[in-house]
Full PDB file with SEQRES, HELIX, SHEET, SSBOND, CRYST1, ORIGX, SCALE, CONECT and MASTER records, all heavy atoms in Angstrom:
SEQRES   1 A   44  ARG ASP ASN ALA LYS ASN THR VAL TYR LEU GLN MET ASN          
SEQRES   2 A   44  SER LEU LYS PRO GLU ASP THR ALA VAL TYR TYR CYS SER          
SEQRES   3 A   44  ALA PRO ARG GLN LEU GLY THR GLY CYS TYR SER SER ASP          
SEQRES   4 A   44  ALA MET TYR VAL TYR                                          
HELIX    1 AA1 ASN A    3  LYS A    5  5                                   3    
HELIX    2 AA2 PRO A   17  ASP A   19  5                                   3    
HELIX    3 AA3 ASP A   39  MET A   41  5                                   3    
CRYST1    1.000    1.000    1.000  90.00  90.00  90.00 P 1           1          
ORIGX1      1.000000  0.000000  0.000000        0.00000                         
ORIGX2      0.000000  1.000000  0.000000        0.00000                         
ORIGX3      0.000000  0.000000  1.000000        0.00000                         
SCALE1      1.000000  0.000000  0.000000        0.00000                         
SCALE2      0.000000  1.000000  0.000000        0.00000                         
SCALE3      0.000000  0.000000  1.000000        0.00000                         
ATOM      1  N   ARG A   1       9.211  -3.997  -0.177  1.00  0.00           N  
ATOM      2  CA  ARG A   1       8.874  -4.436  -1.530  1.00  0.00           C  
ATOM      3  C   ARG A   1      10.014  -5.225  -2.139  1.00  0.00           C  
ATOM      4  O   ARG A   1      11.185  -5.050  -1.789  1.00  0.00           O  
ATOM      5  CB  ARG A   1       8.508  -3.240  -2.417  1.00  0.00           C  
ATOM      6  CG  ARG A   1       9.645  -2.278  -2.715  1.00  0.00           C  
ATOM      7  CD  ARG A   1       9.105  -0.981  -3.330  1.00  0.00           C  
ATOM      8  NE  ARG A   1       8.376  -1.214  -4.567  1.00  0.00           N  
ATOM      9  CZ  ARG A   1       7.478  -0.377  -5.085  1.00  0.00           C  
ATOM     10  NH1 ARG A   1       7.184   0.762  -4.457  1.00  0.00           N  
ATOM     11  NH2 ARG A   1       6.867  -0.676  -6.232  1.00  0.00           N  
ATOM     12  N   ASP A   2       9.650  -6.082  -3.054  1.00  0.00           N  
ATOM     13  CA  ASP A   2      10.597  -6.844  -3.844  1.00  0.00           C  
ATOM     14  C   ASP A   2      10.188  -6.647  -5.291  1.00  0.00           C  
ATOM     15  O   ASP A   2       9.316  -7.345  -5.808  1.00  0.00           O  
ATOM     16  CB  ASP A   2      10.574  -8.321  -3.455  1.00  0.00           C  
ATOM     17  CG  ASP A   2      11.658  -9.121  -4.144  1.00  0.00           C  
ATOM     18  OD1 ASP A   2      12.206  -8.659  -5.169  1.00  0.00           O  
ATOM     19  OD2 ASP A   2      11.965 -10.228  -3.660  1.00  0.00           O  
ATOM     20  N   ASN A   3      10.798  -5.674  -5.929  1.00  0.00           N  
ATOM     21  CA  ASN A   3      10.388  -5.329  -7.283  1.00  0.00           C  
ATOM     22  C   ASN A   3      10.673  -6.448  -8.282  1.00  0.00           C  
ATOM     23  O   ASN A   3       9.983  -6.553  -9.300  1.00  0.00           O  
ATOM     24  CB  ASN A   3      11.070  -4.035  -7.726  1.00  0.00           C  
ATOM     25  CG  ASN A   3      10.497  -2.817  -7.040  1.00  0.00           C  
ATOM     26  OD1 ASN A   3       9.375  -2.845  -6.527  1.00  0.00           O  
ATOM     27  ND2 ASN A   3      11.254  -1.729  -7.019  1.00  0.00           N  
ATOM     28  N   ALA A   4      11.669  -7.265  -8.007  1.00  0.00           N  
ATOM     29  CA  ALA A   4      11.940  -8.400  -8.879  1.00  0.00           C  
ATOM     30  C   ALA A   4      10.778  -9.383  -8.894  1.00  0.00           C  
ATOM     31  O   ALA A   4      10.558 -10.083  -9.878  1.00  0.00           O  
ATOM     32  CB  ALA A   4      13.221  -9.102  -8.460  1.00  0.00           C  
ATOM     33  N   LYS A   5      10.046  -9.440  -7.786  1.00  0.00           N  
ATOM     34  CA  LYS A   5       8.869 -10.293  -7.686  1.00  0.00           C  
ATOM     35  C   LYS A   5       7.577  -9.534  -7.929  1.00  0.00           C  
ATOM     36  O   LYS A   5       6.495 -10.121  -7.823  1.00  0.00           O  
ATOM     37  CB  LYS A   5       8.821 -10.965  -6.314  1.00  0.00           C  
ATOM     38  CG  LYS A   5       9.984 -11.898  -6.046  1.00  0.00           C  
ATOM     39  CD  LYS A   5       9.863 -12.538  -4.673  1.00  0.00           C  
ATOM     40  CE  LYS A   5      11.003 -13.502  -4.417  1.00  0.00           C  
ATOM     41  NZ  LYS A   5      10.910 -14.113  -3.073  1.00  0.00           N  
ATOM     42  N   ASN A   6       7.689  -8.240  -8.209  1.00  0.00           N  
ATOM     43  CA  ASN A   6       6.519  -7.410  -8.460  1.00  0.00           C  
ATOM     44  C   ASN A   6       5.541  -7.462  -7.289  1.00  0.00           C  
ATOM     45  O   ASN A   6       4.320  -7.533  -7.465  1.00  0.00           O  
ATOM     46  CB  ASN A   6       5.807  -7.841  -9.746  1.00  0.00           C  
ATOM     47  CG  ASN A   6       5.593  -6.690 -10.717  1.00  0.00           C  
ATOM     48  OD1 ASN A   6       6.333  -5.705 -10.724  1.00  0.00           O  
ATOM     49  ND2 ASN A   6       4.577  -6.816 -11.563  1.00  0.00           N  
ATOM     50  N   THR A   7       6.093  -7.383  -6.088  1.00  0.00           N  
ATOM     51  CA  THR A   7       5.294  -7.576  -4.886  1.00  0.00           C  
ATOM     52  C   THR A   7       5.677  -6.574  -3.802  1.00  0.00           C  
ATOM     53  O   THR A   7       6.853  -6.261  -3.620  1.00  0.00           O  
ATOM     54  CB  THR A   7       5.468  -9.001  -4.343  1.00  0.00           C  
ATOM     55  OG1 THR A   7       5.092  -9.947  -5.355  1.00  0.00           O  
ATOM     56  CG2 THR A   7       4.597  -9.232  -3.123  1.00  0.00           C  
ATOM     57  N   VAL A   8       4.669  -6.102  -3.093  1.00  0.00           N  
ATOM     58  CA  VAL A   8       4.841  -5.257  -1.915  1.00  0.00           C  
ATOM     59  C   VAL A   8       4.283  -6.003  -0.717  1.00  0.00           C  
ATOM     60  O   VAL A   8       3.272  -6.707  -0.825  1.00  0.00           O  
ATOM     61  CB  VAL A   8       4.142  -3.897  -2.098  1.00  0.00           C  
ATOM     62  CG1 VAL A   8       4.135  -3.106  -0.788  1.00  0.00           C  
ATOM     63  CG2 VAL A   8       4.843  -3.086  -3.178  1.00  0.00           C  
ATOM     64  N   TYR A   9       4.920  -5.831   0.429  1.00  0.00           N  
ATOM     65  CA  TYR A   9       4.527  -6.538   1.637  1.00  0.00           C  
ATOM     66  C   TYR A   9       4.172  -5.561   2.749  1.00  0.00           C  
ATOM     67  O   TYR A   9       4.646  -4.424   2.789  1.00  0.00           O  
ATOM     68  CB  TYR A   9       5.657  -7.441   2.131  1.00  0.00           C  
ATOM     69  CG  TYR A   9       6.147  -8.422   1.101  1.00  0.00           C  
ATOM     70  CD1 TYR A   9       7.267  -8.135   0.322  1.00  0.00           C  
ATOM     71  CD2 TYR A   9       5.500  -9.633   0.906  1.00  0.00           C  
ATOM     72  CE1 TYR A   9       7.721  -9.033  -0.622  1.00  0.00           C  
ATOM     73  CE2 TYR A   9       5.947 -10.535  -0.038  1.00  0.00           C  
ATOM     74  CZ  TYR A   9       7.058 -10.227  -0.802  1.00  0.00           C  
ATOM     75  OH  TYR A   9       7.508 -11.123  -1.746  1.00  0.00           O  
ATOM     76  N   LEU A  10       3.354  -6.038   3.664  1.00  0.00           N  
ATOM     77  CA  LEU A  10       3.073  -5.305   4.885  1.00  0.00           C  
ATOM     78  C   LEU A  10       3.170  -6.283   6.049  1.00  0.00           C  
ATOM     79  O   LEU A  10       2.290  -7.132   6.228  1.00  0.00           O  
ATOM     80  CB  LEU A  10       1.689  -4.657   4.853  1.00  0.00           C  
ATOM     81  CG  LEU A  10       1.353  -3.767   6.052  1.00  0.00           C  
ATOM     82  CD1 LEU A  10       2.250  -2.528   6.068  1.00  0.00           C  
ATOM     83  CD2 LEU A  10      -0.112  -3.355   6.034  1.00  0.00           C  
ATOM     84  N   GLN A  11       4.254  -6.179   6.790  1.00  0.00           N  
ATOM     85  CA  GLN A  11       4.433  -6.995   7.982  1.00  0.00           C  
ATOM     86  C   GLN A  11       3.740  -6.315   9.146  1.00  0.00           C  
ATOM     87  O   GLN A  11       4.047  -5.166   9.466  1.00  0.00           O  
ATOM     88  CB  GLN A  11       5.919  -7.178   8.286  1.00  0.00           C  
ATOM     89  CG  GLN A  11       6.205  -7.988   9.544  1.00  0.00           C  
ATOM     90  CD  GLN A  11       5.795  -9.431   9.422  1.00  0.00           C  
ATOM     91  OE1 GLN A  11       6.082 -10.075   8.421  1.00  0.00           O  
ATOM     92  NE2 GLN A  11       5.096  -9.941  10.435  1.00  0.00           N  
ATOM     93  N   MET A  12       2.823  -7.016   9.780  1.00  0.00           N  
ATOM     94  CA  MET A  12       2.029  -6.460  10.864  1.00  0.00           C  
ATOM     95  C   MET A  12       2.315  -7.250  12.130  1.00  0.00           C  
ATOM     96  O   MET A  12       2.021  -8.446  12.204  1.00  0.00           O  
ATOM     97  CB  MET A  12       0.544  -6.505  10.525  1.00  0.00           C  
ATOM     98  CG  MET A  12       0.194  -5.838   9.196  1.00  0.00           C  
ATOM     99  SD  MET A  12      -1.597  -5.776   8.893  1.00  0.00           S  
ATOM    100  CE  MET A  12      -1.961  -7.530   8.837  1.00  0.00           C  
ATOM    101  N   ASN A  13       2.883  -6.577  13.108  1.00  0.00           N  
ATOM    102  CA  ASN A  13       3.206  -7.187  14.390  1.00  0.00           C  
ATOM    103  C   ASN A  13       2.404  -6.521  15.500  1.00  0.00           C  
ATOM    104  O   ASN A  13       1.871  -5.428  15.331  1.00  0.00           O  
ATOM    105  CB  ASN A  13       4.701  -7.060  14.688  1.00  0.00           C  
ATOM    106  CG  ASN A  13       5.573  -7.755  13.680  1.00  0.00           C  
ATOM    107  OD1 ASN A  13       5.205  -8.797  13.135  1.00  0.00           O  
ATOM    108  ND2 ASN A  13       6.754  -7.197  13.428  1.00  0.00           N  
ATOM    109  N   SER A  14       2.360  -7.176  16.631  1.00  0.00           N  
ATOM    110  CA  SER A  14       1.657  -6.646  17.804  1.00  0.00           C  
ATOM    111  C   SER A  14       0.257  -6.182  17.445  1.00  0.00           C  
ATOM    112  O   SER A  14      -0.179  -5.091  17.808  1.00  0.00           O  
ATOM    113  CB  SER A  14       2.463  -5.497  18.427  1.00  0.00           C  
ATOM    114  OG  SER A  14       3.755  -5.927  18.805  1.00  0.00           O  
ATOM    115  N   LEU A  15      -0.447  -7.027  16.750  1.00  0.00           N  
ATOM    116  CA  LEU A  15      -1.764  -6.649  16.253  1.00  0.00           C  
ATOM    117  C   LEU A  15      -2.759  -6.424  17.378  1.00  0.00           C  
ATOM    118  O   LEU A  15      -2.730  -7.115  18.402  1.00  0.00           O  
ATOM    119  CB  LEU A  15      -2.279  -7.716  15.300  1.00  0.00           C  
ATOM    120  CG  LEU A  15      -1.631  -7.677  13.912  1.00  0.00           C  
ATOM    121  CD1 LEU A  15      -1.872  -8.979  13.167  1.00  0.00           C  
ATOM    122  CD2 LEU A  15      -2.184  -6.498  13.105  1.00  0.00           C  
ATOM    123  N   LYS A  16      -3.614  -5.452  17.150  1.00  0.00           N  
ATOM    124  CA  LYS A  16      -4.641  -5.065  18.103  1.00  0.00           C  
ATOM    125  C   LYS A  16      -6.017  -5.259  17.480  1.00  0.00           C  
ATOM    126  O   LYS A  16      -6.152  -5.239  16.255  1.00  0.00           O  
ATOM    127  CB  LYS A  16      -4.472  -3.597  18.501  1.00  0.00           C  
ATOM    128  CG  LYS A  16      -3.108  -3.234  19.051  1.00  0.00           C  
ATOM    129  CD  LYS A  16      -3.012  -1.733  19.287  1.00  0.00           C  
ATOM    130  CE  LYS A  16      -1.654  -1.345  19.813  1.00  0.00           C  
ATOM    131  NZ  LYS A  16      -1.548   0.125  20.026  1.00  0.00           N  
ATOM    132  N   PRO A  17      -7.049  -5.419  18.300  1.00  0.00           N  
ATOM    133  CA  PRO A  17      -8.398  -5.526  17.735  1.00  0.00           C  
ATOM    134  C   PRO A  17      -8.765  -4.363  16.823  1.00  0.00           C  
ATOM    135  O   PRO A  17      -9.496  -4.550  15.848  1.00  0.00           O  
ATOM    136  CB  PRO A  17      -9.292  -5.573  18.978  1.00  0.00           C  
ATOM    137  CG  PRO A  17      -8.427  -6.205  20.014  1.00  0.00           C  
ATOM    138  CD  PRO A  17      -7.038  -5.669  19.745  1.00  0.00           C  
ATOM    139  N   GLU A  18      -8.261  -3.182  17.106  1.00  0.00           N  
ATOM    140  CA  GLU A  18      -8.544  -2.019  16.285  1.00  0.00           C  
ATOM    141  C   GLU A  18      -7.924  -2.097  14.901  1.00  0.00           C  
ATOM    142  O   GLU A  18      -8.245  -1.293  14.026  1.00  0.00           O  
ATOM    143  CB  GLU A  18      -8.067  -0.737  16.988  1.00  0.00           C  
ATOM    144  CG  GLU A  18      -6.563  -0.668  17.194  1.00  0.00           C  
ATOM    145  CD  GLU A  18      -6.152   0.345  18.244  1.00  0.00           C  
ATOM    146  OE1 GLU A  18      -6.512   0.151  19.422  1.00  0.00           O  
ATOM    147  OE2 GLU A  18      -5.482   1.329  17.879  1.00  0.00           O  
ATOM    148  N   ASP A  19      -7.030  -3.053  14.684  1.00  0.00           N  
ATOM    149  CA  ASP A  19      -6.462  -3.268  13.360  1.00  0.00           C  
ATOM    150  C   ASP A  19      -7.381  -4.080  12.462  1.00  0.00           C  
ATOM    151  O   ASP A  19      -7.081  -4.243  11.271  1.00  0.00           O  
ATOM    152  CB  ASP A  19      -5.116  -3.982  13.463  1.00  0.00           C  
ATOM    153  CG  ASP A  19      -4.058  -3.157  14.180  1.00  0.00           C  
ATOM    154  OD1 ASP A  19      -3.971  -1.940  13.919  1.00  0.00           O  
ATOM    155  OD2 ASP A  19      -3.311  -3.737  14.988  1.00  0.00           O  
ATOM    156  N   THR A  20      -8.449  -4.601  13.010  1.00  0.00           N  
ATOM    157  CA  THR A  20      -9.387  -5.392  12.228  1.00  0.00           C  
ATOM    158  C   THR A  20      -9.978  -4.550  11.105  1.00  0.00           C  
ATOM    159  O   THR A  20     -10.545  -3.484  11.346  1.00  0.00           O  
ATOM    160  CB  THR A  20     -10.509  -5.937  13.115  1.00  0.00           C  
ATOM    161  OG1 THR A  20      -9.956  -6.840  14.076  1.00  0.00           O  
ATOM    162  CG2 THR A  20     -11.546  -6.674  12.286  1.00  0.00           C  
ATOM    163  N   ALA A  21      -9.823  -5.022   9.887  1.00  0.00           N  
ATOM    164  CA  ALA A  21     -10.287  -4.282   8.720  1.00  0.00           C  
ATOM    165  C   ALA A  21     -10.005  -5.107   7.474  1.00  0.00           C  
ATOM    166  O   ALA A  21      -9.307  -6.123   7.523  1.00  0.00           O  
ATOM    167  CB  ALA A  21      -9.575  -2.930   8.617  1.00  0.00           C  
ATOM    168  N   VAL A  22     -10.540  -4.638   6.367  1.00  0.00           N  
ATOM    169  CA  VAL A  22     -10.126  -5.144   5.070  1.00  0.00           C  
ATOM    170  C   VAL A  22      -8.959  -4.287   4.607  1.00  0.00           C  
ATOM    171  O   VAL A  22      -9.053  -3.057   4.586  1.00  0.00           O  
ATOM    172  CB  VAL A  22     -11.267  -5.108   4.044  1.00  0.00           C  
ATOM    173  CG1 VAL A  22     -10.770  -5.595   2.683  1.00  0.00           C  
ATOM    174  CG2 VAL A  22     -12.431  -5.960   4.517  1.00  0.00           C  
ATOM    175  N   TYR A  23      -7.880  -4.926   4.241  1.00  0.00           N  
ATOM    176  CA  TYR A  23      -6.672  -4.227   3.827  1.00  0.00           C  
ATOM    177  C   TYR A  23      -6.534  -4.278   2.315  1.00  0.00           C  
ATOM    178  O   TYR A  23      -6.668  -5.336   1.700  1.00  0.00           O  
ATOM    179  CB  TYR A  23      -5.445  -4.847   4.490  1.00  0.00           C  
ATOM    180  CG  TYR A  23      -5.296  -4.461   5.937  1.00  0.00           C  
ATOM    181  CD1 TYR A  23      -6.160  -4.969   6.899  1.00  0.00           C  
ATOM    182  CD2 TYR A  23      -4.302  -3.575   6.345  1.00  0.00           C  
ATOM    183  CE1 TYR A  23      -6.047  -4.601   8.230  1.00  0.00           C  
ATOM    184  CE2 TYR A  23      -4.173  -3.209   7.671  1.00  0.00           C  
ATOM    185  CZ  TYR A  23      -5.048  -3.721   8.609  1.00  0.00           C  
ATOM    186  OH  TYR A  23      -4.916  -3.349   9.938  1.00  0.00           O  
ATOM    187  N   TYR A  24      -6.255  -3.127   1.746  1.00  0.00           N  
ATOM    188  CA  TYR A  24      -6.110  -2.979   0.309  1.00  0.00           C  
ATOM    189  C   TYR A  24      -4.751  -2.384  -0.025  1.00  0.00           C  
ATOM    190  O   TYR A  24      -4.254  -1.526   0.699  1.00  0.00           O  
ATOM    191  CB  TYR A  24      -7.166  -2.038  -0.265  1.00  0.00           C  
ATOM    192  CG  TYR A  24      -8.600  -2.422   0.006  1.00  0.00           C  
ATOM    193  CD1 TYR A  24      -9.249  -2.001   1.159  1.00  0.00           C  
ATOM    194  CD2 TYR A  24      -9.313  -3.187  -0.914  1.00  0.00           C  
ATOM    195  CE1 TYR A  24     -10.568  -2.338   1.400  1.00  0.00           C  
ATOM    196  CE2 TYR A  24     -10.632  -3.524  -0.684  1.00  0.00           C  
ATOM    197  CZ  TYR A  24     -11.254  -3.094   0.482  1.00  0.00           C  
ATOM    198  OH  TYR A  24     -12.565  -3.430   0.712  1.00  0.00           O  
ATOM    199  N   CYS A  25      -4.189  -2.802  -1.138  1.00  0.00           N  
ATOM    200  CA  CYS A  25      -3.047  -2.092  -1.680  1.00  0.00           C  
ATOM    201  C   CYS A  25      -3.487  -1.337  -2.921  1.00  0.00           C  
ATOM    202  O   CYS A  25      -4.471  -1.696  -3.574  1.00  0.00           O  
ATOM    203  CB  CYS A  25      -1.881  -3.031  -1.995  1.00  0.00           C  
ATOM    204  SG  CYS A  25      -2.185  -4.256  -3.282  1.00  0.00           S  
ATOM    205  N   SER A  26      -2.767  -0.280  -3.234  1.00  0.00           N  
ATOM    206  CA  SER A  26      -3.182   0.566  -4.336  1.00  0.00           C  
ATOM    207  C   SER A  26      -1.979   1.211  -5.015  1.00  0.00           C  
ATOM    208  O   SER A  26      -0.984   1.530  -4.368  1.00  0.00           O  
ATOM    209  CB  SER A  26      -4.137   1.656  -3.828  1.00  0.00           C  
ATOM    210  OG  SER A  26      -4.635   2.435  -4.896  1.00  0.00           O  
ATOM    211  N   ALA A  27      -2.107   1.394  -6.310  1.00  0.00           N  
ATOM    212  CA  ALA A  27      -1.099   2.066  -7.116  1.00  0.00           C  
ATOM    213  C   ALA A  27      -1.669   3.354  -7.676  1.00  0.00           C  
ATOM    214  O   ALA A  27      -2.867   3.443  -7.964  1.00  0.00           O  
ATOM    215  CB  ALA A  27      -0.632   1.162  -8.246  1.00  0.00           C  
ATOM    216  N   PRO A  28      -0.837   4.361  -7.877  1.00  0.00           N  
ATOM    217  CA  PRO A  28      -1.328   5.632  -8.401  1.00  0.00           C  
ATOM    218  C   PRO A  28      -1.565   5.584  -9.899  1.00  0.00           C  
ATOM    219  O   PRO A  28      -1.151   4.652 -10.590  1.00  0.00           O  
ATOM    220  CB  PRO A  28      -0.202   6.608  -8.047  1.00  0.00           C  
ATOM    221  CG  PRO A  28       1.031   5.762  -8.079  1.00  0.00           C  
ATOM    222  CD  PRO A  28       0.598   4.420  -7.542  1.00  0.00           C  
ATOM    223  N   ARG A  29      -2.199   6.619 -10.398  1.00  0.00           N  
ATOM    224  CA  ARG A  29      -2.564   6.679 -11.804  1.00  0.00           C  
ATOM    225  C   ARG A  29      -1.394   6.984 -12.711  1.00  0.00           C  
ATOM    226  O   ARG A  29      -1.507   6.811 -13.931  1.00  0.00           O  
ATOM    227  CB  ARG A  29      -3.666   7.719 -12.022  1.00  0.00           C  
ATOM    228  CG  ARG A  29      -3.221   9.156 -11.767  1.00  0.00           C  
ATOM    229  CD  ARG A  29      -4.392  10.098 -11.813  1.00  0.00           C  
ATOM    230  NE  ARG A  29      -3.990  11.482 -11.628  1.00  0.00           N  
ATOM    231  CZ  ARG A  29      -4.817  12.466 -11.363  1.00  0.00           C  
ATOM    232  NH1 ARG A  29      -6.116  12.213 -11.231  1.00  0.00           N  
ATOM    233  NH2 ARG A  29      -4.354  13.693 -11.225  1.00  0.00           N  
ATOM    234  N   GLN A  30      -0.291   7.441 -12.162  1.00  0.00           N  
ATOM    235  CA  GLN A  30       0.878   7.710 -12.969  1.00  0.00           C  
ATOM    236  C   GLN A  30       2.127   7.275 -12.226  1.00  0.00           C  
ATOM    237  O   GLN A  30       2.137   7.185 -10.998  1.00  0.00           O  
ATOM    238  CB  GLN A  30       0.967   9.189 -13.344  1.00  0.00           C  
ATOM    239  CG  GLN A  30       1.129  10.134 -12.170  1.00  0.00           C  
ATOM    240  CD  GLN A  30       1.061  11.586 -12.592  1.00  0.00           C  
ATOM    241  OE1 GLN A  30       0.300  11.941 -13.488  1.00  0.00           O  
ATOM    242  NE2 GLN A  30       1.858  12.428 -11.947  1.00  0.00           N  
ATOM    243  N   LEU A  31       3.169   7.020 -12.982  1.00  0.00           N  
ATOM    244  CA  LEU A  31       4.410   6.593 -12.369  1.00  0.00           C  
ATOM    245  C   LEU A  31       4.986   7.696 -11.504  1.00  0.00           C  
ATOM    246  O   LEU A  31       4.724   8.881 -11.695  1.00  0.00           O  
ATOM    247  CB  LEU A  31       5.419   6.147 -13.435  1.00  0.00           C  
ATOM    248  CG  LEU A  31       5.850   7.158 -14.497  1.00  0.00           C  
ATOM    249  CD1 LEU A  31       6.987   8.036 -13.994  1.00  0.00           C  
ATOM    250  CD2 LEU A  31       6.277   6.413 -15.764  1.00  0.00           C  
ATOM    251  N   GLY A  32       5.771   7.287 -10.551  1.00  0.00           N  
ATOM    252  CA  GLY A  32       6.380   8.240  -9.651  1.00  0.00           C  
ATOM    253  C   GLY A  32       7.365   7.554  -8.746  1.00  0.00           C  
ATOM    254  O   GLY A  32       7.522   6.330  -8.766  1.00  0.00           O  
ATOM    255  N   THR A  33       8.019   8.358  -7.939  1.00  0.00           N  
ATOM    256  CA  THR A  33       8.995   7.831  -6.989  1.00  0.00           C  
ATOM    257  C   THR A  33       8.417   7.813  -5.589  1.00  0.00           C  
ATOM    258  O   THR A  33       8.073   6.745  -5.069  1.00  0.00           O  
ATOM    259  CB  THR A  33      10.286   8.656  -7.045  1.00  0.00           C  
ATOM    260  OG1 THR A  33       9.986  10.048  -6.877  1.00  0.00           O  
ATOM    261  CG2 THR A  33      10.973   8.477  -8.393  1.00  0.00           C  
ATOM    262  N   GLY A  34       8.301   8.976  -4.983  1.00  0.00           N  
ATOM    263  CA  GLY A  34       7.743   9.071  -3.652  1.00  0.00           C  
ATOM    264  C   GLY A  34       6.227   8.944  -3.649  1.00  0.00           C  
ATOM    265  O   GLY A  34       5.570   9.066  -4.681  1.00  0.00           O  
ATOM    266  N   CYS A  35       5.681   8.701  -2.479  1.00  0.00           N  
ATOM    267  CA  CYS A  35       4.246   8.552  -2.336  1.00  0.00           C  
ATOM    268  C   CYS A  35       3.536   9.885  -2.545  1.00  0.00           C  
ATOM    269  O   CYS A  35       4.027  10.947  -2.147  1.00  0.00           O  
ATOM    270  CB  CYS A  35       3.911   8.002  -0.961  1.00  0.00           C  
ATOM    271  SG  CYS A  35       4.515   6.327  -0.671  1.00  0.00           S  
ATOM    272  N   TYR A  36       2.369   9.812  -3.160  1.00  0.00           N  
ATOM    273  CA  TYR A  36       1.562  11.000  -3.365  1.00  0.00           C  
ATOM    274  C   TYR A  36       0.785  11.323  -2.097  1.00  0.00           C  
ATOM    275  O   TYR A  36       0.263  10.426  -1.426  1.00  0.00           O  
ATOM    276  CB  TYR A  36       0.599  10.791  -4.526  1.00  0.00           C  
ATOM    277  CG  TYR A  36       1.288  10.612  -5.855  1.00  0.00           C  
ATOM    278  CD1 TYR A  36       1.494   9.339  -6.377  1.00  0.00           C  
ATOM    279  CD2 TYR A  36       1.737  11.705  -6.579  1.00  0.00           C  
ATOM    280  CE1 TYR A  36       2.138   9.168  -7.594  1.00  0.00           C  
ATOM    281  CE2 TYR A  36       2.380  11.544  -7.792  1.00  0.00           C  
ATOM    282  CZ  TYR A  36       2.577  10.274  -8.300  1.00  0.00           C  
ATOM    283  OH  TYR A  36       3.209  10.108  -9.511  1.00  0.00           O  
ATOM    284  N   SER A  37       0.686  12.594  -1.789  1.00  0.00           N  
ATOM    285  CA  SER A  37      -0.006  13.008  -0.577  1.00  0.00           C  
ATOM    286  C   SER A  37      -1.517  12.903  -0.706  1.00  0.00           C  
ATOM    287  O   SER A  37      -2.212  12.734   0.299  1.00  0.00           O  
ATOM    288  CB  SER A  37       0.378  14.442  -0.199  1.00  0.00           C  
ATOM    289  OG  SER A  37       0.043  15.348  -1.234  1.00  0.00           O  
ATOM    290  N   SER A  38      -2.020  12.976  -1.919  1.00  0.00           N  
ATOM    291  CA  SER A  38      -3.455  12.909  -2.155  1.00  0.00           C  
ATOM    292  C   SER A  38      -3.900  11.475  -2.404  1.00  0.00           C  
ATOM    293  O   SER A  38      -3.386  10.802  -3.297  1.00  0.00           O  
ATOM    294  CB  SER A  38      -3.848  13.785  -3.342  1.00  0.00           C  
ATOM    295  OG  SER A  38      -5.212  13.616  -3.661  1.00  0.00           O  
ATOM    296  N   ASP A  39      -4.879  11.021  -1.634  1.00  0.00           N  
ATOM    297  CA  ASP A  39      -5.416   9.681  -1.842  1.00  0.00           C  
ATOM    298  C   ASP A  39      -6.068   9.532  -3.206  1.00  0.00           C  
ATOM    299  O   ASP A  39      -6.171   8.420  -3.727  1.00  0.00           O  
ATOM    300  CB  ASP A  39      -6.432   9.345  -0.755  1.00  0.00           C  
ATOM    301  CG  ASP A  39      -5.797   9.113   0.596  1.00  0.00           C  
ATOM    302  OD1 ASP A  39      -4.555   9.055   0.685  1.00  0.00           O  
ATOM    303  OD2 ASP A  39      -6.556   8.977   1.576  1.00  0.00           O  
ATOM    304  N   ALA A  40      -6.495  10.641  -3.788  1.00  0.00           N  
ATOM    305  CA  ALA A  40      -7.158  10.601  -5.080  1.00  0.00           C  
ATOM    306  C   ALA A  40      -6.232  10.118  -6.189  1.00  0.00           C  
ATOM    307  O   ALA A  40      -6.699   9.690  -7.241  1.00  0.00           O  
ATOM    308  CB  ALA A  40      -7.719  11.975  -5.428  1.00  0.00           C  
ATOM    309  N   MET A  41      -4.936  10.182  -5.973  1.00  0.00           N  
ATOM    310  CA  MET A  41      -3.986   9.708  -6.969  1.00  0.00           C  
ATOM    311  C   MET A  41      -3.977   8.183  -7.085  1.00  0.00           C  
ATOM    312  O   MET A  41      -3.531   7.646  -8.100  1.00  0.00           O  
ATOM    313  CB  MET A  41      -2.584  10.192  -6.633  1.00  0.00           C  
ATOM    314  CG  MET A  41      -2.382  11.692  -6.807  1.00  0.00           C  
ATOM    315  SD  MET A  41      -2.518  12.211  -8.543  1.00  0.00           S  
ATOM    316  CE  MET A  41      -1.093  11.391  -9.254  1.00  0.00           C  
ATOM    317  N   TYR A  42      -4.455   7.504  -6.076  1.00  0.00           N  
ATOM    318  CA  TYR A  42      -4.412   6.042  -6.059  1.00  0.00           C  
ATOM    319  C   TYR A  42      -5.693   5.489  -6.656  1.00  0.00           C  
ATOM    320  O   TYR A  42      -6.763   5.560  -6.046  1.00  0.00           O  
ATOM    321  CB  TYR A  42      -4.171   5.544  -4.636  1.00  0.00           C  
ATOM    322  CG  TYR A  42      -2.785   5.906  -4.166  1.00  0.00           C  
ATOM    323  CD1 TYR A  42      -2.526   7.146  -3.590  1.00  0.00           C  
ATOM    324  CD2 TYR A  42      -1.723   5.027  -4.351  1.00  0.00           C  
ATOM    325  CE1 TYR A  42      -1.242   7.493  -3.208  1.00  0.00           C  
ATOM    326  CE2 TYR A  42      -0.443   5.370  -3.961  1.00  0.00           C  
ATOM    327  CZ  TYR A  42      -0.206   6.604  -3.397  1.00  0.00           C  
ATOM    328  OH  TYR A  42       1.070   6.941  -3.011  1.00  0.00           O  
ATOM    329  N   VAL A  43      -5.574   4.929  -7.838  1.00  0.00           N  
ATOM    330  CA  VAL A  43      -6.746   4.528  -8.618  1.00  0.00           C  
ATOM    331  C   VAL A  43      -6.791   3.043  -8.932  1.00  0.00           C  
ATOM    332  O   VAL A  43      -7.832   2.536  -9.359  1.00  0.00           O  
ATOM    333  CB  VAL A  43      -6.841   5.335  -9.921  1.00  0.00           C  
ATOM    334  CG1 VAL A  43      -6.997   6.818  -9.625  1.00  0.00           C  
ATOM    335  CG2 VAL A  43      -5.611   5.097 -10.796  1.00  0.00           C  
ATOM    336  N   TYR A  44      -5.690   2.339  -8.769  1.00  0.00           N  
ATOM    337  CA  TYR A  44      -5.671   0.902  -9.003  1.00  0.00           C  
ATOM    338  C   TYR A  44      -5.703   0.194  -7.666  1.00  0.00           C  
ATOM    339  O   TYR A  44      -4.871   0.455  -6.786  1.00  0.00           O  
ATOM    340  CB  TYR A  44      -4.432   0.496  -9.801  1.00  0.00           C  
ATOM    341  CG  TYR A  44      -4.386   1.115 -11.171  1.00  0.00           C  
ATOM    342  CD1 TYR A  44      -3.551   2.189 -11.444  1.00  0.00           C  
ATOM    343  CD2 TYR A  44      -5.194   0.626 -12.189  1.00  0.00           C  
ATOM    344  CE1 TYR A  44      -3.515   2.764 -12.699  1.00  0.00           C  
ATOM    345  CE2 TYR A  44      -5.169   1.201 -13.450  1.00  0.00           C  
ATOM    346  CZ  TYR A  44      -4.328   2.266 -13.697  1.00  0.00           C  
ATOM    347  OH  TYR A  44      -4.298   2.838 -14.954  1.00  0.00           O  
TER     348      TYR A  44                                                      
MASTER        0    0    0    3    0    0    0    6  347    1    0    4          
END                                                                             
């Protein structure tokens, strides 16, 4: 991530056919530091 640019990146190398998908990024419903273990926290 580059917080100065308000952007997160995902570099994907050695891609496989099984990686085919729609990729989404998501933010949780409240501020925090570490990632939340529950997917339900990610609402944006």
